[in-house]
Amino acid sequence: MPSVPVLMRVLVTLLVLLCVLAFAAWGFQRRLIYFPDASPVPPAASLFPGAQDVRLATTDGLELGGWYVPPTAAPRDVTVLVANGNGGNREGRASLAAALAAEGFAVLLFDYRGYGGNPGTPTSAGLALDARAAHRFLLQDKGVPPSRLIYLGESLGTAVVSDLALEHPPAGLLLRSPFTDLGSMARRMFFGLPVGFLLRDRFAVADAVSRVDRPTTVVYGTADDIVPPAESVAVAEAARGSVELVVLEGIGHNDDVMFGAGVASAVAALSDRIDAAR
């Protein structure tokens, strides 16, 4: 049987290892959350007919790049503000913008701080300011009334738009592959360990949508191996507004349909549902 001094040394060693792991998780966690492609993107007009490059001014002094894409089909008089996921930049969502424009929507694609050649470093507080800059641009520069504005959030972007909706409610919310909160995702990643207290960014989607009384559509793929489908279903169940669940059988998190017609058609159905309720 090990002696007391040996047991003490083992316990102290384990405690030191846990402290080192906790320190590493605290210091480097944002590298596990944000995967920005910081390279500059091409001009909007080179990808979309009649599109504009726009600049969005944040309240903390940054200037962010974005694309304003007009509808390419019969206009619906509805604008879609798109909040990207945690990887790449807006060039990777060009097909989504084209599909939305083909449904008659005007679209604002923008990059967060640190993405797509923008200055700054991404954090949850920073992304919140970035989304508010995009919202302010649409209302002030484009004259879009909130009653004709839909927020579309992709994965991490579902947290960005649901937070924005608490302060600036839109006509409706489209949440693609949402998760309940970052703590829940972290527990799944770290085998159920209670690591939530270490998180610097929370991204509490379910809590936010439970306080937003707006028509909501939740889209997820049954083969999503990044955000488990159960997370998206839980968000739909938490939503305060009327909810439609769109289930894409056999579709994964980053499959092409998630960046094209599959999501655009769900936005069109949400827009029709909003109009029918007016």
C-alpha atoms as a PDB file:
ATOM      1  CA  MET A   1       0.000   0.000   0.000  1.00  0.00           C
ATOM      2  CA  PRO A   2       1.501   3.417  -0.921  1.00  0.00           C
ATOM      3  CA  SER A   3       2.708   5.510   1.975  1.00  0.00           C
ATOM      4  CA  VAL A   4       1.131   8.839   2.871  1.00  0.00           C
ATOM      5  CA  PRO A   5       4.077  10.873   1.441  1.00  0.00           C
ATOM      6  CA  VAL A   6       3.781   9.017  -1.884  1.00  0.00           C
ATOM      7  CA  LEU A   7       0.040   9.667  -2.059  1.00  0.00           C
ATOM      8  CA  MET A   8       0.631  13.323  -1.266  1.00  0.00           C
ATOM      9  CA  ARG A   9       3.177  13.623  -4.065  1.00  0.00           C
ATOM     10  CA  VAL A  10       0.732  12.011  -6.513  1.00  0.00           C
ATOM     11  CA  LEU A  11      -2.068  14.361  -5.454  1.00  0.00           C
ATOM     12  CA  VAL A  12       0.178  17.415  -5.667  1.00  0.00           C
ATOM     13  CA  THR A  13       1.356  16.336  -9.132  1.00  0.00           C
ATOM     14  CA  LEU A  14      -2.232  15.898 -10.310  1.00  0.00           C
ATOM     15  CA  LEU A  15      -3.194  19.271  -8.858  1.00  0.00           C
ATOM     16  CA  VAL A  16      -0.292  20.965 -10.660  1.00  0.00           C
ATOM     17  CA  LEU A  17      -1.260  19.282 -13.939  1.00  0.00           C
ATOM     18  CA  LEU A  18      -4.861  20.407 -13.553  1.00  0.00           C
ATOM     19  CA  CYS A  19      -3.719  23.961 -12.840  1.00  0.00           C
ATOM     20  CA  VAL A  20      -1.499  23.937 -15.930  1.00  0.00           C
ATOM     21  CA  LEU A  21      -4.370  22.624 -18.069  1.00  0.00           C
ATOM     22  CA  ALA A  22      -6.756  25.226 -16.645  1.00  0.00           C
ATOM     23  CA  PHE A  23      -4.247  28.009 -17.329  1.00  0.00           C
ATOM     24  CA  ALA A  24      -3.734  26.779 -20.909  1.00  0.00           C
ATOM     25  CA  ALA A  25      -7.491  26.558 -21.460  1.00  0.00           C
ATOM     26  CA  TRP A  26      -7.955  30.094 -20.163  1.00  0.00           C
ATOM     27  CA  GLY A  27      -5.103  31.578 -22.174  1.00  0.00           C
ATOM     28  CA  PHE A  28      -5.542  29.785 -25.496  1.00  0.00           C
ATOM     29  CA  GLN A  29      -9.266  29.023 -25.651  1.00  0.00           C
ATOM     30  CA  ARG A  30     -10.025  31.674 -28.250  1.00  0.00           C
ATOM     31  CA  ARG A  31      -7.716  29.871 -30.654  1.00  0.00           C
ATOM     32  CA  LEU A  32     -10.108  26.945 -30.326  1.00  0.00           C
ATOM     33  CA  ILE A  33     -13.177  29.132 -30.931  1.00  0.00           C
ATOM     34  CA  TYR A  34     -12.246  31.494 -33.765  1.00  0.00           C
ATOM     35  CA  PHE A  35     -10.646  30.411 -37.035  1.00  0.00           C
ATOM     36  CA  PRO A  36     -10.462  33.604 -39.090  1.00  0.00           C
ATOM     37  CA  ASP A  37      -9.269  33.799 -42.654  1.00  0.00           C
ATOM     38  CA  ALA A  38      -7.678  37.229 -42.424  1.00  0.00           C
ATOM     39  CA  SER A  39      -6.839  37.525 -46.119  1.00  0.00           C
ATOM     40  CA  PRO A  40      -8.512  40.339 -48.095  1.00  0.00           C
ATOM     41  CA  VAL A  41     -11.589  39.467 -50.138  1.00  0.00           C
ATOM     42  CA  PRO A  42     -12.343  40.425 -53.759  1.00  0.00           C
ATOM     43  CA  PRO A  43     -14.580  43.372 -54.697  1.00  0.00           C
ATOM     44  CA  ALA A  44     -18.270  42.654 -54.382  1.00  0.00           C
ATOM     45  CA  ALA A  45     -19.004  43.635 -57.991  1.00  0.00           C
ATOM     46  CA  SER A  46     -16.629  40.937 -59.251  1.00  0.00           C
ATOM     47  CA  LEU A  47     -18.919  38.298 -57.734  1.00  0.00           C
ATOM     48  CA  PHE A  48     -22.426  39.793 -57.819  1.00  0.00           C
ATOM     49  CA  PRO A  49     -24.079  42.080 -60.390  1.00  0.00           C
ATOM     50  CA  GLY A  50     -24.699  45.519 -58.925  1.00  0.00           C
ATOM     51  CA  ALA A  51     -23.225  44.657 -55.515  1.00  0.00           C
ATOM     52  CA  GLN A  52     -21.422  47.253 -53.394  1.00  0.00           C
ATOM     53  CA  ASP A  53     -18.395  47.173 -51.120  1.00  0.00           C
ATOM     54  CA  VAL A  54     -19.422  48.834 -47.861  1.00  0.00           C
ATOM     55  CA  ARG A  55     -17.644  49.965 -44.712  1.00  0.00           C
ATOM     56  CA  LEU A  56     -19.137  49.452 -41.261  1.00  0.00           C
ATOM     57  CA  ALA A  57     -18.026  51.653 -38.364  1.00  0.00           C
ATOM     58  CA  THR A  58     -18.047  50.054 -34.902  1.00  0.00           C
ATOM     59  CA  THR A  59     -18.508  52.093 -31.737  1.00  0.00           C
ATOM     60  CA  ASP A  60     -15.031  51.094 -30.542  1.00  0.00           C
ATOM     61  CA  GLY A  61     -13.356  52.660 -33.557  1.00  0.00           C
ATOM     62  CA  LEU A  62     -12.917  49.849 -36.091  1.00  0.00           C
ATOM     63  CA  GLU A  63     -13.895  49.906 -39.754  1.00  0.00           C
ATOM     64  CA  LEU A  64     -15.098  46.593 -41.131  1.00  0.00           C
ATOM     65  CA  GLY A  65     -15.597  45.459 -44.695  1.00  0.00           C
ATOM     66  CA  GLY A  66     -18.857  44.112 -46.059  1.00  0.00           C
ATOM     67  CA  TRP A  67     -20.805  43.421 -49.238  1.00  0.00           C
ATOM     68  CA  TYR A  68     -24.285  44.722 -49.953  1.00  0.00           C
ATOM     69  CA  VAL A  69     -25.884  42.442 -52.539  1.00  0.00           C
ATOM     70  CA  PRO A  70     -29.154  43.504 -54.236  1.00  0.00           C
ATOM     71  CA  PRO A  71     -31.843  40.995 -55.232  1.00  0.00           C
ATOM     72  CA  THR A  72     -31.467  39.333 -58.618  1.00  0.00           C
ATOM     73  CA  ALA A  73     -35.106  38.147 -58.806  1.00  0.00           C
ATOM     74  CA  ALA A  74     -38.398  39.944 -58.130  1.00  0.00           C
ATOM     75  CA  PRO A  75     -37.635  41.975 -54.980  1.00  0.00           C
ATOM     76  CA  ARG A  76     -39.327  40.953 -51.762  1.00  0.00           C
ATOM     77  CA  ASP A  77     -38.584  44.280 -50.032  1.00  0.00           C
ATOM     78  CA  VAL A  78     -36.842  42.259 -47.309  1.00  0.00           C
ATOM     79  CA  THR A  79     -33.153  42.436 -46.364  1.00  0.00           C
ATOM     80  CA  VAL A  80     -31.160  39.613 -44.802  1.00  0.00           C
ATOM     81  CA  LEU A  81     -28.318  40.410 -42.398  1.00  0.00           C
ATOM     82  CA  VAL A  82     -25.957  37.430 -42.383  1.00  0.00           C
ATOM     83  CA  ALA A  83     -23.735  36.639 -39.375  1.00  0.00           C
ATOM     84  CA  ASN A  84     -21.051  34.129 -40.341  1.00  0.00           C
ATOM     85  CA  GLY A  85     -19.763  31.160 -38.403  1.00  0.00           C
ATOM     86  CA  ASN A  86     -16.366  31.053 -36.734  1.00  0.00           C
ATOM     87  CA  GLY A  87     -14.243  30.128 -39.755  1.00  0.00           C
ATOM     88  CA  GLY A  88     -13.180  31.617 -43.081  1.00  0.00           C
ATOM     89  CA  ASN A  89     -14.508  34.970 -44.254  1.00  0.00           C
ATOM     90  CA  ARG A  90     -17.386  36.340 -46.298  1.00  0.00           C
ATOM     91  CA  GLU A  91     -15.985  35.093 -49.597  1.00  0.00           C
ATOM     92  CA  GLY A  92     -16.876  31.575 -48.432  1.00  0.00           C
ATOM     93  CA  ARG A  93     -20.523  32.695 -48.104  1.00  0.00           C
ATOM     94  CA  ALA A  94     -20.774  34.132 -51.626  1.00  0.00           C
ATOM     95  CA  SER A  95     -22.916  31.196 -52.768  1.00  0.00           C
ATOM     96  CA  LEU A  96     -25.334  31.823 -49.881  1.00  0.00           C
ATOM     97  CA  ALA A  97     -25.651  35.493 -50.794  1.00  0.00           C
ATOM     98  CA  ALA A  98     -26.265  34.553 -54.442  1.00  0.00           C
ATOM     99  CA  ALA A  99     -28.977  32.058 -53.436  1.00  0.00           C
ATOM    100  CA  LEU A 100     -30.675  34.626 -51.189  1.00  0.00           C
ATOM    101  CA  ALA A 101     -30.522  37.268 -53.934  1.00  0.00           C
ATOM    102  CA  ALA A 102     -32.107  34.756 -56.318  1.00  0.00           C
ATOM    103  CA  GLU A 103     -35.000  34.456 -53.822  1.00  0.00           C
ATOM    104  CA  GLY A 104     -35.539  38.228 -54.074  1.00  0.00           C
ATOM    105  CA  PHE A 105     -33.691  39.334 -50.936  1.00  0.00           C
ATOM    106  CA  ALA A 106     -31.172  42.117 -50.512  1.00  0.00           C
ATOM    107  CA  VAL A 107     -28.259  40.757 -48.474  1.00  0.00           C
ATOM    108  CA  LEU A 108     -25.578  42.215 -46.211  1.00  0.00           C
ATOM    109  CA  LEU A 109     -22.538  39.984 -45.827  1.00  0.00           C
ATOM    110  CA  PHE A 110     -19.819  41.320 -43.550  1.00  0.00           C
ATOM    111  CA  ASP A 111     -16.733  40.083 -41.777  1.00  0.00           C
ATOM    112  CA  TYR A 112     -16.101  40.298 -38.058  1.00  0.00           C
ATOM    113  CA  ARG A 113     -13.007  41.961 -36.635  1.00  0.00           C
ATOM    114  CA  GLY A 114      -9.917  39.927 -37.507  1.00  0.00           C
ATOM    115  CA  TYR A 115     -11.616  38.302 -40.505  1.00  0.00           C
ATOM    116  CA  GLY A 116     -11.429  39.164 -44.213  1.00  0.00           C
ATOM    117  CA  GLY A 117      -8.686  41.776 -43.867  1.00  0.00           C
ATOM    118  CA  ASN A 118     -10.425  43.600 -41.012  1.00  0.00           C
ATOM    119  CA  PRO A 119      -8.496  44.999 -38.053  1.00  0.00           C
ATOM    120  CA  GLY A 120      -8.961  43.749 -34.499  1.00  0.00           C
ATOM    121  CA  THR A 121      -9.196  40.423 -32.686  1.00  0.00           C
ATOM    122  CA  PRO A 122     -12.428  38.432 -32.343  1.00  0.00           C
ATOM    123  CA  THR A 123     -14.156  38.138 -28.964  1.00  0.00           C
ATOM    124  CA  SER A 124     -17.824  37.731 -28.080  1.00  0.00           C
ATOM    125  CA  ALA A 125     -18.047  41.382 -27.014  1.00  0.00           C
ATOM    126  CA  GLY A 126     -16.301  42.469 -30.206  1.00  0.00           C
ATOM    127  CA  LEU A 127     -18.569  40.415 -32.451  1.00  0.00           C
ATOM    128  CA  ALA A 128     -21.571  41.974 -30.720  1.00  0.00           C
ATOM    129  CA  LEU A 129     -20.275  45.436 -31.636  1.00  0.00           C
ATOM    130  CA  ASP A 130     -19.620  44.287 -35.195  1.00  0.00           C
ATOM    131  CA  ALA A 131     -23.190  43.045 -35.622  1.00  0.00           C
ATOM    132  CA  ARG A 132     -24.545  46.315 -34.272  1.00  0.00           C
ATOM    133  CA  ALA A 133     -22.443  48.212 -36.814  1.00  0.00           C
ATOM    134  CA  ALA A 134     -23.972  46.071 -39.582  1.00  0.00           C
ATOM    135  CA  HIS A 135     -27.465  46.675 -38.215  1.00  0.00           C
ATOM    136  CA  ARG A 136     -26.859  50.429 -37.966  1.00  0.00           C
ATOM    137  CA  PHE A 137     -25.653  50.526 -41.583  1.00  0.00           C
ATOM    138  CA  LEU A 138     -28.808  48.849 -42.864  1.00  0.00           C
ATOM    139  CA  LEU A 139     -31.145  51.112 -40.915  1.00  0.00           C
ATOM    140  CA  GLN A 140     -29.306  54.398 -41.392  1.00  0.00           C
ATOM    141  CA  ASP A 141     -27.586  54.030 -44.767  1.00  0.00           C
ATOM    142  CA  LYS A 142     -30.016  51.739 -46.572  1.00  0.00           C
ATOM    143  CA  GLY A 143     -33.218  52.820 -44.843  1.00  0.00           C
ATOM    144  CA  VAL A 144     -34.296  49.271 -44.006  1.00  0.00           C
ATOM    145  CA  PRO A 145     -37.081  49.234 -41.384  1.00  0.00           C
ATOM    146  CA  PRO A 146     -36.787  46.539 -38.685  1.00  0.00           C
ATOM    147  CA  SER A 147     -40.093  45.089 -39.897  1.00  0.00           C
ATOM    148  CA  ARG A 148     -38.401  44.182 -43.208  1.00  0.00           C
ATOM    149  CA  LEU A 149     -35.189  42.774 -41.767  1.00  0.00           C
ATOM    150  CA  ILE A 150     -34.345  39.112 -41.176  1.00  0.00           C
ATOM    151  CA  TYR A 151     -31.287  37.973 -39.247  1.00  0.00           C
ATOM    152  CA  LEU A 152     -29.546  34.844 -40.529  1.00  0.00           C
ATOM    153  CA  GLY A 153     -26.964  33.345 -38.203  1.00  0.00           C
ATOM    154  CA  GLU A 154     -24.704  30.431 -39.122  1.00  0.00           C
ATOM    155  CA  SER A 155     -23.346  28.264 -36.276  1.00  0.00           C
ATOM    156  CA  LEU A 156     -21.427  30.730 -34.059  1.00  0.00           C
ATOM    157  CA  GLY A 157     -23.301  33.486 -35.881  1.00  0.00           C
ATOM    158  CA  THR A 158     -26.549  32.227 -34.334  1.00  0.00           C
ATOM    159  CA  ALA A 159     -25.226  33.548 -31.019  1.00  0.00           C
ATOM    160  CA  VAL A 160     -24.335  36.868 -32.660  1.00  0.00           C
ATOM    161  CA  VAL A 161     -27.793  37.446 -34.170  1.00  0.00           C
ATOM    162  CA  SER A 162     -29.748  36.177 -31.167  1.00  0.00           C
ATOM    163  CA  ASP A 163     -27.829  38.604 -28.969  1.00  0.00           C
ATOM    164  CA  LEU A 164     -28.454  41.413 -31.480  1.00  0.00           C
ATOM    165  CA  ALA A 165     -32.169  40.535 -31.481  1.00  0.00           C
ATOM    166  CA  LEU A 166     -32.393  41.195 -27.739  1.00  0.00           C
ATOM    167  CA  GLU A 167     -31.546  44.852 -28.343  1.00  0.00           C
ATOM    168  CA  HIS A 168     -32.836  45.273 -31.899  1.00  0.00           C
ATOM    169  CA  PRO A 169     -35.650  42.782 -32.640  1.00  0.00           C
ATOM    170  CA  PRO A 170     -35.922  41.929 -36.359  1.00  0.00           C
ATOM    171  CA  ALA A 171     -38.905  40.701 -38.340  1.00  0.00           C
ATOM    172  CA  GLY A 172     -37.622  37.146 -37.922  1.00  0.00           C
ATOM    173  CA  LEU A 173     -34.645  34.924 -37.106  1.00  0.00           C
ATOM    174  CA  LEU A 174     -33.123  32.115 -39.164  1.00  0.00           C
ATOM    175  CA  LEU A 175     -30.721  30.069 -37.038  1.00  0.00           C
ATOM    176  CA  ARG A 176     -28.616  27.601 -39.005  1.00  0.00           C
ATOM    177  CA  SER A 177     -26.944  24.885 -36.888  1.00  0.00           C
ATOM    178  CA  PRO A 178     -27.387  26.675 -33.554  1.00  0.00           C
ATOM    179  CA  PHE A 179     -26.072  25.414 -30.205  1.00  0.00           C
ATOM    180  CA  THR A 180     -27.517  26.121 -26.767  1.00  0.00           C
ATOM    181  CA  ASP A 181     -24.377  27.810 -25.401  1.00  0.00           C
ATOM    182  CA  LEU A 182     -20.618  27.508 -25.652  1.00  0.00           C
ATOM    183  CA  GLY A 183     -20.382  25.783 -22.273  1.00  0.00           C
ATOM    184  CA  SER A 184     -22.525  22.923 -23.544  1.00  0.00           C
ATOM    185  CA  MET A 185     -20.340  22.558 -26.629  1.00  0.00           C
ATOM    186  CA  ALA A 186     -17.189  22.617 -24.477  1.00  0.00           C
ATOM    187  CA  ARG A 187     -18.536  19.867 -22.218  1.00  0.00           C
ATOM    188  CA  ARG A 188     -19.176  17.696 -25.255  1.00  0.00           C
ATOM    189  CA  MET A 189     -15.657  18.361 -26.517  1.00  0.00           C
ATOM    190  CA  PHE A 190     -14.016  17.632 -23.180  1.00  0.00           C
ATOM    191  CA  PHE A 191     -15.880  14.415 -22.344  1.00  0.00           C
ATOM    192  CA  GLY A 192     -18.431  15.939 -19.980  1.00  0.00           C
ATOM    193  CA  LEU A 193     -15.934  17.776 -17.771  1.00  0.00           C
ATOM    194  CA  PRO A 194     -17.389  20.968 -16.179  1.00  0.00           C
ATOM    195  CA  VAL A 195     -15.177  23.398 -18.106  1.00  0.00           C
ATOM    196  CA  GLY A 196     -17.803  26.112 -18.561  1.00  0.00           C
ATOM    197  CA  PHE A 197     -16.439  28.217 -15.692  1.00  0.00           C
ATOM    198  CA  LEU A 198     -13.205  28.665 -17.659  1.00  0.00           C
ATOM    199  CA  LEU A 199     -14.886  30.207 -20.694  1.00  0.00           C
ATOM    200  CA  ARG A 200     -14.263  33.860 -21.456  1.00  0.00           C
ATOM    201  CA  ASP A 201     -16.911  33.923 -24.224  1.00  0.00           C
ATOM    202  CA  ARG A 202     -20.338  32.447 -23.443  1.00  0.00           C
ATOM    203  CA  PHE A 203     -22.537  32.714 -26.557  1.00  0.00           C
ATOM    204  CA  ALA A 204     -25.775  31.722 -24.824  1.00  0.00           C
ATOM    205  CA  VAL A 205     -28.088  31.168 -27.792  1.00  0.00           C
ATOM    206  CA  ALA A 206     -30.925  29.314 -26.050  1.00  0.00           C
ATOM    207  CA  ASP A 207     -31.184  31.906 -23.305  1.00  0.00           C
ATOM    208  CA  ALA A 208     -31.312  34.747 -25.827  1.00  0.00           C
ATOM    209  CA  VAL A 209     -33.987  33.216 -28.074  1.00  0.00           C
ATOM    210  CA  SER A 210     -36.102  32.421 -25.031  1.00  0.00           C
ATOM    211  CA  ARG A 211     -36.455  36.189 -24.616  1.00  0.00           C
ATOM    212  CA  VAL A 212     -37.027  37.148 -28.263  1.00  0.00           C
ATOM    213  CA  ASP A 213     -40.659  36.936 -29.361  1.00  0.00           C
ATOM    214  CA  ARG A 214     -40.149  36.813 -33.114  1.00  0.00           C
ATOM    215  CA  PRO A 215     -40.870  34.179 -35.788  1.00  0.00           C
ATOM    216  CA  THR A 216     -37.910  31.821 -35.795  1.00  0.00           C
ATOM    217  CA  THR A 217     -36.687  29.071 -38.100  1.00  0.00           C
ATOM    218  CA  VAL A 218     -34.061  26.564 -36.982  1.00  0.00           C
ATOM    219  CA  VAL A 219     -32.201  24.667 -39.717  1.00  0.00           C
ATOM    220  CA  TYR A 220     -29.888  21.753 -39.015  1.00  0.00           C
ATOM    221  CA  GLY A 221     -28.458  18.712 -40.731  1.00  0.00           C
ATOM    222  CA  THR A 222     -28.833  15.239 -39.288  1.00  0.00           C
ATOM    223  CA  ALA A 223     -25.208  14.417 -40.199  1.00  0.00           C
ATOM    224  CA  ASP A 224     -23.756  17.490 -38.461  1.00  0.00           C
ATOM    225  CA  ASP A 225     -20.630  16.331 -36.592  1.00  0.00           C
ATOM    226  CA  ILE A 226     -19.679  19.791 -35.307  1.00  0.00           C
ATOM    227  CA  VAL A 227     -22.912  20.988 -33.700  1.00  0.00           C
ATOM    228  CA  PRO A 228     -24.892  17.924 -32.583  1.00  0.00           C
ATOM    229  CA  PRO A 229     -28.480  17.975 -33.887  1.00  0.00           C
ATOM    230  CA  ALA A 230     -29.742  17.707 -30.310  1.00  0.00           C
ATOM    231  CA  GLU A 231     -28.223  21.133 -29.610  1.00  0.00           C
ATOM    232  CA  SER A 232     -30.164  22.708 -32.472  1.00  0.00           C
ATOM    233  CA  VAL A 233     -33.391  21.012 -31.410  1.00  0.00           C
ATOM    234  CA  ALA A 234     -32.887  22.334 -27.863  1.00  0.00           C
ATOM    235  CA  VAL A 235     -32.550  25.878 -29.229  1.00  0.00           C
ATOM    236  CA  ALA A 236     -35.806  25.470 -31.172  1.00  0.00           C
ATOM    237  CA  GLU A 237     -37.538  24.244 -28.022  1.00  0.00           C
ATOM    238  CA  ALA A 238     -36.243  27.247 -26.071  1.00  0.00           C
ATOM    239  CA  ALA A 239     -37.401  29.863 -28.595  1.00  0.00           C
ATOM    240  CA  ARG A 240     -40.125  32.202 -27.409  1.00  0.00           C
ATOM    241  CA  GLY A 241     -41.450  33.072 -30.855  1.00  0.00           C
ATOM    242  CA  SER A 242     -43.273  30.751 -33.232  1.00  0.00           C
ATOM    243  CA  VAL A 243     -40.795  28.150 -34.473  1.00  0.00           C
ATOM    244  CA  GLU A 244     -40.388  26.136 -37.657  1.00  0.00           C
ATOM    245  CA  LEU A 245     -37.832  23.327 -37.651  1.00  0.00           C
ATOM    246  CA  VAL A 246     -36.164  22.514 -40.979  1.00  0.00           C
ATOM    247  CA  VAL A 247     -34.326  19.178 -40.868  1.00  0.00           C
ATOM    248  CA  LEU A 248     -31.908  18.405 -43.703  1.00  0.00           C
ATOM    249  CA  GLU A 249     -31.475  14.644 -43.779  1.00  0.00           C
ATOM    250  CA  GLY A 250     -27.927  13.386 -44.232  1.00  0.00           C
ATOM    251  CA  ILE A 251     -26.465  16.906 -44.398  1.00  0.00           C
ATOM    252  CA  GLY A 252     -23.331  17.897 -42.478  1.00  0.00           C
ATOM    253  CA  HIS A 253     -22.299  21.184 -40.933  1.00  0.00           C
ATOM    254  CA  ASN A 254     -20.304  22.488 -43.890  1.00  0.00           C
ATOM    255  CA  ASP A 255     -21.998  20.746 -46.807  1.00  0.00           C
ATOM    256  CA  ASP A 256     -22.716  22.884 -49.868  1.00  0.00           C
ATOM    257  CA  VAL A 257     -26.479  22.958 -49.262  1.00  0.00           C
ATOM    258  CA  MET A 258     -25.790  24.849 -46.019  1.00  0.00           C
ATOM    259  CA  PHE A 259     -24.284  27.654 -48.099  1.00  0.00           C
ATOM    260  CA  GLY A 260     -26.892  27.786 -50.819  1.00  0.00           C
ATOM    261  CA  ALA A 261     -30.436  26.920 -51.778  1.00  0.00           C
ATOM    262  CA  GLY A 262     -31.155  24.741 -48.749  1.00  0.00           C
ATOM    263  CA  VAL A 263     -30.878  27.683 -46.370  1.00  0.00           C
ATOM    264  CA  ALA A 264     -32.116  30.333 -48.824  1.00  0.00           C
ATOM    265  CA  SER A 265     -35.393  28.478 -49.333  1.00  0.00           C
ATOM    266  CA  ALA A 266     -35.860  28.307 -45.554  1.00  0.00           C
ATOM    267  CA  VAL A 267     -35.365  32.079 -45.372  1.00  0.00           C
ATOM    268  CA  ALA A 268     -37.960  32.529 -48.122  1.00  0.00           C
ATOM    269  CA  ALA A 269     -40.447  30.369 -46.186  1.00  0.00           C
ATOM    270  CA  LEU A 270     -39.757  32.413 -43.040  1.00  0.00           C
ATOM    271  CA  SER A 271     -40.349  35.639 -44.973  1.00  0.00           C
ATOM    272  CA  ASP A 272     -43.665  34.271 -46.277  1.00  0.00           C
ATOM    273  CA  ARG A 273     -44.657  33.273 -42.751  1.00  0.00           C
ATOM    274  CA  ILE A 274     -43.850  36.772 -41.461  1.00  0.00           C
ATOM    275  CA  ASP A 275     -45.906  38.392 -44.217  1.00  0.00           C
ATOM    276  CA  ALA A 276     -48.841  36.060 -43.609  1.00  0.00           C
ATOM    277  CA  ALA A 277     -48.920  37.086 -39.943  1.00  0.00           C
ATOM    278  CA  ARG A 278     -48.926  40.837 -40.655  1.00  0.00           C
END
